[in-house]
């Protein structure tokens, strides 16, 4: 709160904050503008019938990151999901394509080129995902076959126009996110993700105590859920701010007996492992929607993978989180490259020994980080089973990690810029005083 007050007192930062708020308002308005060709009245009836929280598959995941815009088939229906997927794919391709790894090592110019590739891939994924969503909506599978005629005109021309509009919406979101990063405070795409997830969580949280659809709520369960949420947010903030100090000696940077080194976060993989695990486990559920409900394989998927409290789902979810925690970190952090960079700066013990030591530290951090992610990701499942909640909780492990991570990162950047402007103002005041 103190950082926010100081930021609002600074003219430049106040303009940046207002600009970010303007982009957020435009983004939220676009989430409610229906795509031309969609019968909005039918969509509203479908939403009232099944409820957006009932989606436990890939559709539900995309709808979460779009702020509920996907099930409303708005112009921003795809949200930030294509960009997230494209960014992760480009990072993974660095292992397969030497050209991408070379661009990564080139510095700012190479990263700019990789960003351009990410944009192209985002548009391609937007075309693919929008086509899939519209075809699914046209067949009725998007709303569990409980609603028909969501798209009255199923002609190819009409579907192509709708695909172009949704793809254009994704491009607009990507452009707005880059504007926030360049002219605002914080990372633009992260802030839009934050604003997509947060608005839908509070109403669902209130429904636990107040009740909905004629059912009575339970204020005791509401209090327990709120208490657990606050404790988990504090715990996540604490872990995300923790660092593992890595002592490194540099011959050119030794001052007396002081030894300068680096540090690394405990959770090196961030929120990627839960997102990957949820996406992969949701794909069979999406495929099962196109099968007949009386088929054995469809029944098994609905009973074990569509149910987040089943033993199969919990076991596979946990295994995938651990796997992706180690896998993603091994791609984004290269001990050999770090050791070579240290050697170039005159490191005393840089080389194979340093590489082995960094690998050892990374594996230990990944072990702790995987346990931490499992703890946060499985808490919603434990609460559902312990409290007997029929409805889906308004927050999950991925949601908690994103809200806490984005909030901390934005506050850190706001504090850094506040101190920068205050320091600059202090310098100018001293210069003016000396000239006077």
Foldseek 3Di string as FASTA:
>chain_A
DVLVVLLCVDPLQVVQVVLLVVLLVVLVVQLQAAQPQFDQVLLVVLCVVCNLLLDQFLLNVQCQQSLNSLSSNGLQNRHCVLLVVLVLVLLVCVVVDVLLVVLVVVPPRSVVVSVVSSLVSSLVVLLVVLLVSVVCVQVCLSSLVPTHPRRVDPDPVVSVSSSVSSSVSNVVQVVSQVCSVVRHFARSSLVSSLSSQPVQQVVLLVCQCPNDPPDHHNVVLSVVVVVVLVVLLVVLLVQQPDKDWDFFAAPVPDDPPDTDGDIAGLQNLFLVQLVVLSNVLNVVQSVLSPDDCPDPVSVVSCVASSDCLHPNNLVSSLVSSLVCSVVVNCSVDQLQVVLVVSVVRHTPPGDPVSSVVVVVVSVVSSVVNSVSLSVQQCPQSVSCVVVVDPTRRSDGSSSSSSNSVRVVRRSVRSSVVSVVVVVVVVVVVVVVVVVD
